[in-house]
Amino acid sequence: MESGPAVLAGTTFALFGAALLLWTGACVLNRAPVAYGVRPLLSTALATVFGVLFLVLGVWCFGRV
């Protein structure tokens, strides 16, 4: 009964983290800005850090099931 919310949260976090990393990688490969109005290095670094963080959080939620 308690594993349902953990699976949903883990899936959500993992999908968002993977999508954010995929978006960041595509922007870097195409030399497009990751976020407008922000220094390119800072926006790339923050997007990568948060993408990895959400991916790890999703895996952690799956591990609690």
PDB file of N, CA and C in Angstrom:
ATOM      1  N   MET A   1       0.811  -1.181   0.000  1.00  0.00           N
ATOM      2  CA  MET A   1       0.000   0.000   0.000  1.00  0.00           C
ATOM      3  C   MET A   1       0.865   1.260   0.000  1.00  0.00           C
ATOM      4  N   GLU A   2       1.944   1.249   0.759  1.00  0.00           N
ATOM      5  CA  GLU A   2       2.783   2.422   0.843  1.00  0.00           C
ATOM      6  C   GLU A   2       3.763   2.532  -0.316  1.00  0.00           C
ATOM      7  N   SER A   3       3.905   1.478  -1.104  1.00  0.00           N
ATOM      8  CA  SER A   3       4.871   1.520  -2.200  1.00  0.00           C
ATOM      9  C   SER A   3       4.328   2.273  -3.420  1.00  0.00           C
ATOM     10  N   GLY A   4       3.032   2.434  -3.518  1.00  0.00           N
ATOM     11  CA  GLY A   4       2.443   3.139  -4.654  1.00  0.00           C
ATOM     12  C   GLY A   4       2.932   4.569  -4.791  1.00  0.00           C
ATOM     13  N   PRO A   5       2.856   5.380  -3.734  1.00  0.00           N
ATOM     14  CA  PRO A   5       3.359   6.752  -3.834  1.00  0.00           C
ATOM     15  C   PRO A   5       4.865   6.818  -4.084  1.00  0.00           C
ATOM     16  N   ALA A   6       5.615   5.868  -3.533  1.00  0.00           N
ATOM     17  CA  ALA A   6       7.067   5.865  -3.748  1.00  0.00           C
ATOM     18  C   ALA A   6       7.389   5.563  -5.208  1.00  0.00           C
ATOM     19  N   VAL A   7       6.658   4.658  -5.804  1.00  0.00           N
ATOM     20  CA  VAL A   7       6.879   4.339  -7.223  1.00  0.00           C
ATOM     21  C   VAL A   7       6.507   5.529  -8.095  1.00  0.00           C
ATOM     22  N   LEU A   8       5.392   6.178  -7.789  1.00  0.00           N
ATOM     23  CA  LEU A   8       4.975   7.344  -8.561  1.00  0.00           C
ATOM     24  C   LEU A   8       5.989   8.483  -8.428  1.00  0.00           C
ATOM     25  N   ALA A   9       6.423   8.751  -7.217  1.00  0.00           N
ATOM     26  CA  ALA A   9       7.408   9.818  -7.002  1.00  0.00           C
ATOM     27  C   ALA A   9       8.734   9.472  -7.660  1.00  0.00           C
ATOM     28  N   GLY A  10       9.168   8.229  -7.517  1.00  0.00           N
ATOM     29  CA  GLY A  10      10.426   7.811  -8.135  1.00  0.00           C
ATOM     30  C   GLY A  10      10.389   7.923  -9.648  1.00  0.00           C
ATOM     31  N   THR A  11       9.274   7.523 -10.245  1.00  0.00           N
ATOM     32  CA  THR A  11       9.129   7.627 -11.694  1.00  0.00           C
ATOM     33  C   THR A  11       9.144   9.087 -12.136  1.00  0.00           C
ATOM     34  N   THR A  12       8.438   9.929 -11.415  1.00  0.00           N
ATOM     35  CA  THR A  12       8.380  11.346 -11.762  1.00  0.00           C
ATOM     36  C   THR A  12       9.752  11.996 -11.668  1.00  0.00           C
ATOM     37  N   PHE A  13      10.437  11.768 -10.556  1.00  0.00           N
ATOM     38  CA  PHE A  13      11.762  12.360 -10.378  1.00  0.00           C
ATOM     39  C   PHE A  13      12.745  11.840 -11.420  1.00  0.00           C
ATOM     40  N   ALA A  14      12.725  10.531 -11.676  1.00  0.00           N
ATOM     41  CA  ALA A  14      13.670   9.952 -12.629  1.00  0.00           C
ATOM     42  C   ALA A  14      13.410  10.462 -14.052  1.00  0.00           C
ATOM     43  N   LEU A  15      12.148  10.540 -14.447  1.00  0.00           N
ATOM     44  CA  LEU A  15      11.832  11.043 -15.788  1.00  0.00           C
ATOM     45  C   LEU A  15      12.221  12.510 -15.941  1.00  0.00           C
ATOM     46  N   PHE A  16      11.935  13.312 -14.915  1.00  0.00           N
ATOM     47  CA  PHE A  16      12.284  14.727 -14.995  1.00  0.00           C
ATOM     48  C   PHE A  16      13.797  14.912 -15.031  1.00  0.00           C
ATOM     49  N   GLY A  17      14.520  14.173 -14.203  1.00  0.00           N
ATOM     50  CA  GLY A  17      15.981  14.273 -14.197  1.00  0.00           C
ATOM     51  C   GLY A  17      16.582  13.849 -15.528  1.00  0.00           C
ATOM     52  N   ALA A  18      16.089  12.745 -16.088  1.00  0.00           N
ATOM     53  CA  ALA A  18      16.599  12.282 -17.376  1.00  0.00           C
ATOM     54  C   ALA A  18      16.276  13.283 -18.485  1.00  0.00           C
ATOM     55  N   ALA A  19      15.069  13.832 -18.466  1.00  0.00           N
ATOM     56  CA  ALA A  19      14.688  14.815 -19.483  1.00  0.00           C
ATOM     57  C   ALA A  19      15.525  16.087 -19.368  1.00  0.00           C
ATOM     58  N   LEU A  20      15.799  16.513 -18.150  1.00  0.00           N
ATOM     59  CA  LEU A  20      16.609  17.707 -17.951  1.00  0.00           C
ATOM     60  C   LEU A  20      18.037  17.485 -18.434  1.00  0.00           C
ATOM     61  N   LEU A  21      18.592  16.303 -18.163  1.00  0.00           N
ATOM     62  CA  LEU A  21      19.938  16.003 -18.653  1.00  0.00           C
ATOM     63  C   LEU A  21      19.962  15.888 -20.173  1.00  0.00           C
ATOM     64  N   LEU A  22      18.927  15.293 -20.742  1.00  0.00           N
ATOM     65  CA  LEU A  22      18.846  15.177 -22.200  1.00  0.00           C
ATOM     66  C   LEU A  22      18.734  16.560 -22.845  1.00  0.00           C
ATOM     67  N   TRP A  23      17.904  17.428 -22.279  1.00  0.00           N
ATOM     68  CA  TRP A  23      17.748  18.791 -22.785  1.00  0.00           C
ATOM     69  C   TRP A  23      19.065  19.551 -22.695  1.00  0.00           C
ATOM     70  N   THR A  24      19.735  19.450 -21.564  1.00  0.00           N
ATOM     71  CA  THR A  24      21.002  20.148 -21.366  1.00  0.00           C
ATOM     72  C   THR A  24      22.046  19.653 -22.360  1.00  0.00           C
ATOM     73  N   GLY A  25      22.117  18.348 -22.537  1.00  0.00           N
ATOM     74  CA  GLY A  25      23.074  17.789 -23.490  1.00  0.00           C
ATOM     75  C   GLY A  25      22.795  18.224 -24.916  1.00  0.00           C
ATOM     76  N   ALA A  26      21.525  18.261 -25.295  1.00  0.00           N
ATOM     77  CA  ALA A  26      21.174  18.689 -26.648  1.00  0.00           C
ATOM     78  C   ALA A  26      21.515  20.164 -26.862  1.00  0.00           C
ATOM     79  N   CYS A  27      21.275  20.981 -25.855  1.00  0.00           N
ATOM     80  CA  CYS A  27      21.610  22.407 -25.972  1.00  0.00           C
ATOM     81  C   CYS A  27      23.115  22.610 -26.074  1.00  0.00           C
ATOM     82  N   VAL A  28      23.868  21.872 -25.287  1.00  0.00           N
ATOM     83  CA  VAL A  28      25.325  22.009 -25.316  1.00  0.00           C
ATOM     84  C   VAL A  28      25.876  21.546 -26.667  1.00  0.00           C
ATOM     85  N   LEU A  29      25.365  20.433 -27.186  1.00  0.00           N
ATOM     86  CA  LEU A  29      25.843  19.931 -28.480  1.00  0.00           C
ATOM     87  C   LEU A  29      25.521  20.886 -29.619  1.00  0.00           C
ATOM     88  N   ASN A  30      24.380  21.555 -29.537  1.00  0.00           N
ATOM     89  CA  ASN A  30      23.981  22.497 -30.587  1.00  0.00           C
ATOM     90  C   ASN A  30      24.461  23.915 -30.318  1.00  0.00           C
ATOM     91  N   ARG A  31      25.194  24.095 -29.242  1.00  0.00           N
ATOM     92  CA  ARG A  31      25.693  25.413 -28.822  1.00  0.00           C
ATOM     93  C   ARG A  31      24.567  26.431 -28.665  1.00  0.00           C
ATOM     94  N   ALA A  32      23.446  25.936 -28.166  1.00  0.00           N
ATOM     95  CA  ALA A  32      22.297  26.796 -27.878  1.00  0.00           C
ATOM     96  C   ALA A  32      22.295  27.099 -26.381  1.00  0.00           C
ATOM     97  N   PRO A  33      21.721  28.212 -25.987  1.00  0.00           N
ATOM     98  CA  PRO A  33      21.677  28.510 -24.553  1.00  0.00           C
ATOM     99  C   PRO A  33      20.724  27.568 -23.814  1.00  0.00           C
ATOM    100  N   VAL A  34      21.135  27.155 -22.652  1.00  0.00           N
ATOM    101  CA  VAL A  34      20.276  26.303 -21.829  1.00  0.00           C
ATOM    102  C   VAL A  34      19.176  27.147 -21.208  1.00  0.00           C
ATOM    103  N   ALA A  35      19.517  28.352 -20.780  1.00  0.00           N
ATOM    104  CA  ALA A  35      18.543  29.308 -20.236  1.00  0.00           C
ATOM    105  C   ALA A  35      18.921  30.696 -20.726  1.00  0.00           C
ATOM    106  N   TYR A  36      17.954  31.444 -21.164  1.00  0.00           N
ATOM    107  CA  TYR A  36      18.216  32.788 -21.661  1.00  0.00           C
ATOM    108  C   TYR A  36      18.402  33.756 -20.500  1.00  0.00           C
ATOM    109  N   GLY A  37      19.299  34.699 -20.670  1.00  0.00           N
ATOM    110  CA  GLY A  37      19.517  35.713 -19.668  1.00  0.00           C
ATOM    111  C   GLY A  37      20.449  35.306 -18.546  1.00  0.00           C
ATOM    112  N   VAL A  38      21.070  34.136 -18.670  1.00  0.00           N
ATOM    113  CA  VAL A  38      21.979  33.630 -17.640  1.00  0.00           C
ATOM    114  C   VAL A  38      23.286  33.267 -18.325  1.00  0.00           C
ATOM    115  N   ARG A  39      24.378  33.384 -17.590  1.00  0.00           N
ATOM    116  CA  ARG A  39      25.664  32.998 -18.178  1.00  0.00           C
ATOM    117  C   ARG A  39      25.622  31.534 -18.611  1.00  0.00           C
ATOM    118  N   PRO A  40      26.142  31.208 -19.800  1.00  0.00           N
ATOM    119  CA  PRO A  40      26.046  29.841 -20.318  1.00  0.00           C
ATOM    120  C   PRO A  40      26.674  28.781 -19.405  1.00  0.00           C
ATOM    121  N   LEU A  41      27.818  29.071 -18.844  1.00  0.00           N
ATOM    122  CA  LEU A  41      28.474  28.087 -17.985  1.00  0.00           C
ATOM    123  C   LEU A  41      27.660  27.831 -16.721  1.00  0.00           C
ATOM    124  N   LEU A  42      27.115  28.887 -16.142  1.00  0.00           N
ATOM    125  CA  LEU A  42      26.312  28.749 -14.930  1.00  0.00           C
ATOM    126  C   LEU A  42      25.030  27.975 -15.200  1.00  0.00           C
ATOM    127  N   SER A  43      24.339  28.289 -16.284  1.00  0.00           N
ATOM    128  CA  SER A  43      23.084  27.594 -16.575  1.00  0.00           C
ATOM    129  C   SER A  43      23.320  26.128 -16.914  1.00  0.00           C
ATOM    130  N   THR A  44      24.407  25.833 -17.616  1.00  0.00           N
ATOM    131  CA  THR A  44      24.723  24.442 -17.936  1.00  0.00           C
ATOM    132  C   THR A  44      25.077  23.666 -16.675  1.00  0.00           C
ATOM    133  N   ALA A  45      25.869  24.271 -15.814  1.00  0.00           N
ATOM    134  CA  ALA A  45      26.266  23.601 -14.580  1.00  0.00           C
ATOM    135  C   ALA A  45      25.067  23.348 -13.671  1.00  0.00           C
ATOM    136  N   LEU A  46      24.223  24.350 -13.497  1.00  0.00           N
ATOM    137  CA  LEU A  46      23.056  24.179 -12.628  1.00  0.00           C
ATOM    138  C   LEU A  46      22.070  23.151 -13.185  1.00  0.00           C
ATOM    139  N   ALA A  47      21.838  23.181 -14.477  1.00  0.00           N
ATOM    140  CA  ALA A  47      20.928  22.211 -15.079  1.00  0.00           C
ATOM    141  C   ALA A  47      21.471  20.794 -14.945  1.00  0.00           C
ATOM    142  N   THR A  48      22.779  20.635 -15.100  1.00  0.00           N
ATOM    143  CA  THR A  48      23.383  19.311 -14.948  1.00  0.00           C
ATOM    144  C   THR A  48      23.296  18.831 -13.508  1.00  0.00           C
ATOM    145  N   VAL A  49      23.597  19.707 -12.570  1.00  0.00           N
ATOM    146  CA  VAL A  49      23.541  19.332 -11.154  1.00  0.00           C
ATOM    147  C   VAL A  49      22.119  18.943 -10.750  1.00  0.00           C
ATOM    148  N   PHE A  50      21.142  19.739 -11.151  1.00  0.00           N
ATOM    149  CA  PHE A  50      19.769  19.418 -10.782  1.00  0.00           C
ATOM    150  C   PHE A  50      19.249  18.192 -11.521  1.00  0.00           C
ATOM    151  N   GLY A  51      19.689  17.965 -12.760  1.00  0.00           N
ATOM    152  CA  GLY A  51      19.299  16.755 -13.476  1.00  0.00           C
ATOM    153  C   GLY A  51      19.809  15.510 -12.779  1.00  0.00           C
ATOM    154  N   VAL A  52      21.064  15.538 -12.370  1.00  0.00           N
ATOM    155  CA  VAL A  52      21.637  14.396 -11.646  1.00  0.00           C
ATOM    156  C   VAL A  52      20.956  14.237 -10.290  1.00  0.00           C
ATOM    157  N   LEU A  53      20.688  15.348  -9.617  1.00  0.00           N
ATOM    158  CA  LEU A  53      20.033  15.295  -8.309  1.00  0.00           C
ATOM    159  C   LEU A  53      18.654  14.641  -8.415  1.00  0.00           C
ATOM    160  N   PHE A  54      17.856  15.040  -9.392  1.00  0.00           N
ATOM    161  CA  PHE A  54      16.534  14.451  -9.552  1.00  0.00           C
ATOM    162  C   PHE A  54      16.616  12.986  -9.962  1.00  0.00           C
ATOM    163  N   LEU A  55      17.603  12.633 -10.766  1.00  0.00           N
ATOM    164  CA  LEU A  55      17.776  11.234 -11.153  1.00  0.00           C
ATOM    165  C   LEU A  55      18.141  10.390  -9.941  1.00  0.00           C
ATOM    166  N   VAL A  56      19.045  10.871  -9.122  1.00  0.00           N
ATOM    167  CA  VAL A  56      19.433  10.148  -7.909  1.00  0.00           C
ATOM    168  C   VAL A  56      18.257  10.055  -6.937  1.00  0.00           C
ATOM    169  N   LEU A  57      17.492  11.118  -6.811  1.00  0.00           N
ATOM    170  CA  LEU A  57      16.318  11.103  -5.941  1.00  0.00           C
ATOM    171  C   LEU A  57      15.288  10.082  -6.428  1.00  0.00           C
ATOM    172  N   GLY A  58      15.110   9.982  -7.735  1.00  0.00           N
ATOM    173  CA  GLY A  58      14.193   8.982  -8.277  1.00  0.00           C
ATOM    174  C   GLY A  58      14.653   7.571  -8.003  1.00  0.00           C
ATOM    175  N   VAL A  59      15.947   7.319  -8.151  1.00  0.00           N
ATOM    176  CA  VAL A  59      16.485   5.986  -7.861  1.00  0.00           C
ATOM    177  C   VAL A  59      16.364   5.689  -6.369  1.00  0.00           C
ATOM    178  N   TRP A  60      16.577   6.693  -5.543  1.00  0.00           N
ATOM    179  CA  TRP A  60      16.442   6.505  -4.097  1.00  0.00           C
ATOM    180  C   TRP A  60      15.010   6.142  -3.723  1.00  0.00           C
ATOM    181  N   CYS A  61      14.034   6.801  -4.369  1.00  0.00           N
ATOM    182  CA  CYS A  61      12.627   6.467  -4.102  1.00  0.00           C
ATOM    183  C   CYS A  61      12.312   5.038  -4.527  1.00  0.00           C
ATOM    184  N   PHE A  62      12.873   4.594  -5.634  1.00  0.00           N
ATOM    185  CA  PHE A  62      12.665   3.213  -6.058  1.00  0.00           C
ATOM    186  C   PHE A  62      13.303   2.238  -5.077  1.00  0.00           C
ATOM    187  N   GLY A  63      14.415   2.622  -4.487  1.00  0.00           N
ATOM    188  CA  GLY A  63      15.098   1.757  -3.536  1.00  0.00           C
ATOM    189  C   GLY A  63      14.339   1.593  -2.227  1.00  0.00           C
ATOM    190  N   ARG A  64      13.446   2.513  -1.927  1.00  0.00           N
ATOM    191  CA  ARG A  64      12.677   2.447  -0.686  1.00  0.00           C
ATOM    192  C   ARG A  64      11.454   1.558  -0.815  1.00  0.00           C
ATOM    193  N   VAL A  65      11.187   1.060  -2.011  1.00  0.00           N
ATOM    194  CA  VAL A  65       9.986   0.233  -2.225  1.00  0.00           C
ATOM    195  C   VAL A  65      10.215  -1.138  -1.665  1.00  0.00           C
TER     196      VAL A  65
END
